[in-house]
Amino acid sequence: RSIADVPLGTFLSGGVDSSIVSLALAQ
C-alpha cells in the first residue's frame, strides 16, 4: 500500500493502529 509515483506519508495519531503502520513504513 506504499506503492506510488507521488509523495506519500502517514496519519499518526499516536494510537496503536497508526503507530504500527507508521513504524512499518519507516522500517
PDB file of all heavy atoms in Angstrom:
ATOM      1  N   ARG A   1       0.806  -1.218   0.000  1.00  0.00           N
ATOM      2  CA  ARG A   1       0.000   0.000   0.000  1.00  0.00           C
ATOM      3  C   ARG A   1       0.843   1.274   0.000  1.00  0.00           C
ATOM      4  O   ARG A   1       0.291   2.376   0.084  1.00  0.00           O
ATOM      5  CB  ARG A   1      -0.962  -0.027   1.189  1.00  0.00           C
ATOM      6  CG  ARG A   1      -2.187  -0.893   0.883  1.00  0.00           C
ATOM      7  CD  ARG A   1      -2.707  -1.650   2.088  1.00  0.00           C
ATOM      8  NE  ARG A   1      -3.881  -2.458   1.734  1.00  0.00           N
ATOM      9  CZ  ARG A   1      -3.816  -3.645   1.141  1.00  0.00           C
ATOM     10  NH1 ARG A   1      -2.652  -4.175   0.821  1.00  0.00           N
ATOM     11  NH2 ARG A   1      -4.924  -4.309   0.850  1.00  0.00           N
ATOM     12  N   SER A   2       2.134   1.122  -0.113  1.00  0.00           N
ATOM     13  CA  SER A   2       3.000   2.298  -0.203  1.00  0.00           C
ATOM     14  C   SER A   2       3.574   2.487  -1.606  1.00  0.00           C
ATOM     15  O   SER A   2       4.451   3.325  -1.815  1.00  0.00           O
ATOM     16  CB  SER A   2       4.136   2.194   0.822  1.00  0.00           C
ATOM     17  OG  SER A   2       4.930   1.042   0.603  1.00  0.00           O
ATOM     18  N   ILE A   3       3.055   1.718  -2.585  1.00  0.00           N
ATOM     19  CA  ILE A   3       3.476   1.889  -3.984  1.00  0.00           C
ATOM     20  C   ILE A   3       2.818   3.145  -4.544  1.00  0.00           C
ATOM     21  O   ILE A   3       1.596   3.262  -4.569  1.00  0.00           O
ATOM     22  CB  ILE A   3       3.079   0.666  -4.843  1.00  0.00           C
ATOM     23  CG1 ILE A   3       3.778  -0.592  -4.334  1.00  0.00           C
ATOM     24  CG2 ILE A   3       3.431   0.906  -6.307  1.00  0.00           C
ATOM     25  CD1 ILE A   3       3.310  -1.865  -5.014  1.00  0.00           C
ATOM     26  N   ALA A   4       3.619   4.101  -4.965  1.00  0.00           N
ATOM     27  CA  ALA A   4       3.087   5.353  -5.523  1.00  0.00           C
ATOM     28  C   ALA A   4       4.202   6.075  -6.274  1.00  0.00           C
ATOM     29  O   ALA A   4       5.384   5.927  -5.952  1.00  0.00           O
ATOM     30  CB  ALA A   4       2.521   6.245  -4.421  1.00  0.00           C
ATOM     31  N   ASP A   5       3.798   6.846  -7.265  1.00  0.00           N
ATOM     32  CA  ASP A   5       4.747   7.660  -8.020  1.00  0.00           C
ATOM     33  C   ASP A   5       4.684   9.121  -7.587  1.00  0.00           C
ATOM     34  O   ASP A   5       5.110  10.014  -8.320  1.00  0.00           O
ATOM     35  CB  ASP A   5       4.454   7.558  -9.527  1.00  0.00           C
ATOM     36  CG  ASP A   5       4.667   6.138 -10.047  1.00  0.00           C
ATOM     37  OD1 ASP A   5       5.537   5.440  -9.492  1.00  0.00           O
ATOM     38  OD2 ASP A   5       3.957   5.725 -10.985  1.00  0.00           O
ATOM     39  N   VAL A   6       4.113   9.353  -6.398  1.00  0.00           N
ATOM     40  CA  VAL A   6       3.970  10.705  -5.854  1.00  0.00           C
ATOM     41  C   VAL A   6       4.349  10.661  -4.375  1.00  0.00           C
ATOM     42  O   VAL A   6       4.433   9.581  -3.771  1.00  0.00           O
ATOM     43  CB  VAL A   6       2.527  11.223  -6.019  1.00  0.00           C
ATOM     44  CG1 VAL A   6       2.154  11.363  -7.490  1.00  0.00           C
ATOM     45  CG2 VAL A   6       1.534  10.300  -5.303  1.00  0.00           C
ATOM     46  N   PRO A   7       4.562  11.817  -3.720  1.00  0.00           N
ATOM     47  CA  PRO A   7       4.910  11.840  -2.292  1.00  0.00           C
ATOM     48  C   PRO A   7       3.845  11.172  -1.419  1.00  0.00           C
ATOM     49  O   PRO A   7       2.645  11.312  -1.661  1.00  0.00           O
ATOM     50  CB  PRO A   7       5.013  13.336  -1.983  1.00  0.00           C
ATOM     51  CG  PRO A   7       5.349  13.967  -3.285  1.00  0.00           C
ATOM     52  CD  PRO A   7       4.629  13.169  -4.320  1.00  0.00           C
ATOM     53  N   LEU A   8       4.321  10.447  -0.394  1.00  0.00           N
ATOM     54  CA  LEU A   8       3.446   9.658   0.471  1.00  0.00           C
ATOM     55  C   LEU A   8       3.861   9.825   1.924  1.00  0.00           C
ATOM     56  O   LEU A   8       5.046   9.977   2.233  1.00  0.00           O
ATOM     57  CB  LEU A   8       3.538   8.191   0.039  1.00  0.00           C
ATOM     58  CG  LEU A   8       2.826   7.103   0.835  1.00  0.00           C
ATOM     59  CD1 LEU A   8       2.339   6.002  -0.126  1.00  0.00           C
ATOM     60  CD2 LEU A   8       3.754   6.469   1.873  1.00  0.00           C
ATOM     61  N   GLY A   9       2.877   9.811   2.838  1.00  0.00           N
ATOM     62  CA  GLY A   9       3.161   9.900   4.265  1.00  0.00           C
ATOM     63  C   GLY A   9       2.164   9.076   5.049  1.00  0.00           C
ATOM     64  O   GLY A   9       1.438   8.256   4.485  1.00  0.00           O
ATOM     65  N   THR A  10       2.098   9.283   6.374  1.00  0.00           N
ATOM     66  CA  THR A  10       1.127   8.568   7.202  1.00  0.00           C
ATOM     67  C   THR A  10       0.433   9.531   8.154  1.00  0.00           C
ATOM     68  O   THR A  10       1.025  10.507   8.607  1.00  0.00           O
ATOM     69  CB  THR A  10       1.788   7.462   8.061  1.00  0.00           C
ATOM     70  OG1 THR A  10       2.593   8.059   9.082  1.00  0.00           O
ATOM     71  CG2 THR A  10       2.634   6.523   7.217  1.00  0.00           C
ATOM     72  N   PHE A  11      -0.848   9.230   8.443  1.00  0.00           N
ATOM     73  CA  PHE A  11      -1.527   9.880   9.553  1.00  0.00           C
ATOM     74  C   PHE A  11      -1.019   9.215  10.827  1.00  0.00           C
ATOM     75  O   PHE A  11      -1.054   7.989  10.948  1.00  0.00           O
ATOM     76  CB  PHE A  11      -3.041   9.677   9.473  1.00  0.00           C
ATOM     77  CG  PHE A  11      -3.724  10.470   8.397  1.00  0.00           C
ATOM     78  CD1 PHE A  11      -4.974  10.068   7.915  1.00  0.00           C
ATOM     79  CD2 PHE A  11      -3.161  11.609   7.869  1.00  0.00           C
ATOM     80  CE1 PHE A  11      -5.625  10.792   6.943  1.00  0.00           C
ATOM     81  CE2 PHE A  11      -3.801  12.338   6.880  1.00  0.00           C
ATOM     82  CZ  PHE A  11      -5.037  11.936   6.414  1.00  0.00           C
ATOM     83  N   LEU A  12      -0.569   9.976  11.790  1.00  0.00           N
ATOM     84  CA  LEU A  12      -0.027   9.430  13.032  1.00  0.00           C
ATOM     85  C   LEU A  12      -0.723  10.074  14.222  1.00  0.00           C
ATOM     86  O   LEU A  12      -0.370  11.172  14.650  1.00  0.00           O
ATOM     87  CB  LEU A  12       1.486   9.665  13.099  1.00  0.00           C
ATOM     88  CG  LEU A  12       2.203   9.211  14.372  1.00  0.00           C
ATOM     89  CD1 LEU A  12       1.956   7.727  14.643  1.00  0.00           C
ATOM     90  CD2 LEU A  12       3.698   9.496  14.278  1.00  0.00           C
ATOM     91  N   SER A  13      -1.709   9.382  14.758  1.00  0.00           N
ATOM     92  CA  SER A  13      -2.457   9.915  15.902  1.00  0.00           C
ATOM     93  C   SER A  13      -1.781   9.579  17.220  1.00  0.00           C
ATOM     94  O   SER A  13      -2.052  10.208  18.239  1.00  0.00           O
ATOM     95  CB  SER A  13      -3.875   9.353  15.907  1.00  0.00           C
ATOM     96  OG  SER A  13      -3.850   7.955  16.154  1.00  0.00           O
ATOM     97  N   GLY A  14      -0.921   8.557  17.203  1.00  0.00           N
ATOM     98  CA  GLY A  14      -0.320   8.085  18.441  1.00  0.00           C
ATOM     99  C   GLY A  14      -1.044   6.890  19.020  1.00  0.00           C
ATOM    100  O   GLY A  14      -0.618   6.320  20.021  1.00  0.00           O
ATOM    101  N   GLY A  15      -2.156   6.480  18.388  1.00  0.00           N
ATOM    102  CA  GLY A  15      -2.862   5.272  18.796  1.00  0.00           C
ATOM    103  C   GLY A  15      -2.148   4.031  18.288  1.00  0.00           C
ATOM    104  O   GLY A  15      -1.175   4.107  17.532  1.00  0.00           O
ATOM    105  N   VAL A  16      -2.640   2.863  18.680  1.00  0.00           N
ATOM    106  CA  VAL A  16      -1.999   1.598  18.319  1.00  0.00           C
ATOM    107  C   VAL A  16      -1.874   1.437  16.809  1.00  0.00           C
ATOM    108  O   VAL A  16      -0.791   1.148  16.275  1.00  0.00           O
ATOM    109  CB  VAL A  16      -2.791   0.404  18.908  1.00  0.00           C
ATOM    110  CG1 VAL A  16      -2.246  -0.918  18.372  1.00  0.00           C
ATOM    111  CG2 VAL A  16      -2.732   0.427  20.424  1.00  0.00           C
ATOM    112  N   ASP A  17      -2.969   1.624  16.102  1.00  0.00           N
ATOM    113  CA  ASP A  17      -3.001   1.296  14.678  1.00  0.00           C
ATOM    114  C   ASP A  17      -2.114   2.206  13.838  1.00  0.00           C
ATOM    115  O   ASP A  17      -1.300   1.741  13.033  1.00  0.00           O
ATOM    116  CB  ASP A  17      -4.449   1.357  14.165  1.00  0.00           C
ATOM    117  CG  ASP A  17      -5.371   0.458  14.966  1.00  0.00           C
ATOM    118  OD1 ASP A  17      -4.914  -0.624  15.370  1.00  0.00           O
ATOM    119  OD2 ASP A  17      -6.518   0.853  15.208  1.00  0.00           O
ATOM    120  N   SER A  18      -2.260   3.519  13.993  1.00  0.00           N
ATOM    121  CA  SER A  18      -1.462   4.442  13.178  1.00  0.00           C
ATOM    122  C   SER A  18       0.011   4.375  13.560  1.00  0.00           C
ATOM    123  O   SER A  18       0.890   4.574  12.715  1.00  0.00           O
ATOM    124  CB  SER A  18      -1.984   5.871  13.312  1.00  0.00           C
ATOM    125  OG  SER A  18      -1.797   6.372  14.619  1.00  0.00           O
ATOM    126  N   SER A  19       0.302   4.068  14.828  1.00  0.00           N
ATOM    127  CA  SER A  19       1.697   3.942  15.263  1.00  0.00           C
ATOM    128  C   SER A  19       2.371   2.750  14.596  1.00  0.00           C
ATOM    129  O   SER A  19       3.518   2.833  14.143  1.00  0.00           O
ATOM    130  CB  SER A  19       1.766   3.800  16.786  1.00  0.00           C
ATOM    131  OG  SER A  19       1.291   4.960  17.433  1.00  0.00           O
ATOM    132  N   ILE A  20       1.651   1.633  14.510  1.00  0.00           N
ATOM    133  CA  ILE A  20       2.210   0.429  13.891  1.00  0.00           C
ATOM    134  C   ILE A  20       2.382   0.612  12.388  1.00  0.00           C
ATOM    135  O   ILE A  20       3.401   0.217  11.810  1.00  0.00           O
ATOM    136  CB  ILE A  20       1.327  -0.791  14.223  1.00  0.00           C
ATOM    137  CG1 ILE A  20       1.494  -1.151  15.701  1.00  0.00           C
ATOM    138  CG2 ILE A  20       1.661  -1.981  13.328  1.00  0.00           C
ATOM    139  CD1 ILE A  20       0.558  -2.236  16.197  1.00  0.00           C
ATOM    140  N   VAL A  21       1.400   1.230  11.735  1.00  0.00           N
ATOM    141  CA  VAL A  21       1.520   1.492  10.293  1.00  0.00           C
ATOM    142  C   VAL A  21       2.709   2.413  10.018  1.00  0.00           C
ATOM    143  O   VAL A  21       3.511   2.164   9.095  1.00  0.00           O
ATOM    144  CB  VAL A  21       0.216   2.116   9.744  1.00  0.00           C
ATOM    145  CG1 VAL A  21       0.429   2.676   8.338  1.00  0.00           C
ATOM    146  CG2 VAL A  21      -0.897   1.076   9.727  1.00  0.00           C
ATOM    147  N   SER A  22       2.853   3.463  10.808  1.00  0.00           N
ATOM    148  CA  SER A  22       3.962   4.404  10.614  1.00  0.00           C
ATOM    149  C   SER A  22       5.302   3.724  10.862  1.00  0.00           C
ATOM    150  O   SER A  22       6.271   3.941  10.126  1.00  0.00           O
ATOM    151  CB  SER A  22       3.793   5.613  11.538  1.00  0.00           C
ATOM    152  OG  SER A  22       2.604   6.316  11.253  1.00  0.00           O
ATOM    153  N   LEU A  23       5.358   2.914  11.907  1.00  0.00           N
ATOM    154  CA  LEU A  23       6.577   2.168  12.204  1.00  0.00           C
ATOM    155  C   LEU A  23       6.954   1.254  11.038  1.00  0.00           C
ATOM    156  O   LEU A  23       8.112   1.234  10.596  1.00  0.00           O
ATOM    157  CB  LEU A  23       6.370   1.324  13.463  1.00  0.00           C
ATOM    158  CG  LEU A  23       7.479   0.302  13.755  1.00  0.00           C
ATOM    159  CD1 LEU A  23       8.625   0.955  14.508  1.00  0.00           C
ATOM    160  CD2 LEU A  23       6.941  -0.902  14.522  1.00  0.00           C
ATOM    161  N   ALA A  24       5.987   0.495  10.534  1.00  0.00           N
ATOM    162  CA  ALA A  24       6.260  -0.447   9.449  1.00  0.00           C
ATOM    163  C   ALA A  24       6.757   0.273   8.199  1.00  0.00           C
ATOM    164  O   ALA A  24       7.712  -0.176   7.545  1.00  0.00           O
ATOM    165  CB  ALA A  24       4.998  -1.254   9.126  1.00  0.00           C
ATOM    166  N   LEU A  25       6.131   1.392   7.856  1.00  0.00           N
ATOM    167  CA  LEU A  25       6.568   2.147   6.679  1.00  0.00           C
ATOM    168  C   LEU A  25       7.975   2.693   6.884  1.00  0.00           C
ATOM    169  O   LEU A  25       8.815   2.632   5.971  1.00  0.00           O
ATOM    170  CB  LEU A  25       5.592   3.285   6.386  1.00  0.00           C
ATOM    171  CG  LEU A  25       5.916   4.117   5.133  1.00  0.00           C
ATOM    172  CD1 LEU A  25       5.843   3.253   3.873  1.00  0.00           C
ATOM    173  CD2 LEU A  25       4.968   5.308   5.009  1.00  0.00           C
ATOM    174  N   ALA A  26       8.253   3.198   8.067  1.00  0.00           N
ATOM    175  CA  ALA A  26       9.583   3.756   8.361  1.00  0.00           C
ATOM    176  C   ALA A  26      10.661   2.680   8.254  1.00  0.00           C
ATOM    177  O   ALA A  26      11.769   2.934   7.751  1.00  0.00           O
ATOM    178  CB  ALA A  26       9.593   4.391   9.743  1.00  0.00           C
ATOM    179  N   GLN A  27      10.355   1.474   8.719  1.00  0.00           N
ATOM    180  CA  GLN A  27      11.332   0.386   8.672  1.00  0.00           C
ATOM    181  C   GLN A  27      11.598  -0.089   7.247  1.00  0.00           C
ATOM    182  O   GLN A  27      12.646  -0.680   6.976  1.00  0.00           O
ATOM    183  CB  GLN A  27      10.843  -0.784   9.532  1.00  0.00           C
ATOM    184  CG  GLN A  27      10.866  -0.494  11.031  1.00  0.00           C
ATOM    185  CD  GLN A  27      10.359  -1.655  11.851  1.00  0.00           C
ATOM    186  OE1 GLN A  27       9.582  -2.488  11.369  1.00  0.00           O
ATOM    187  NE2 GLN A  27      10.775  -1.723  13.112  1.00  0.00           N
TER     188      GLN A  27
END
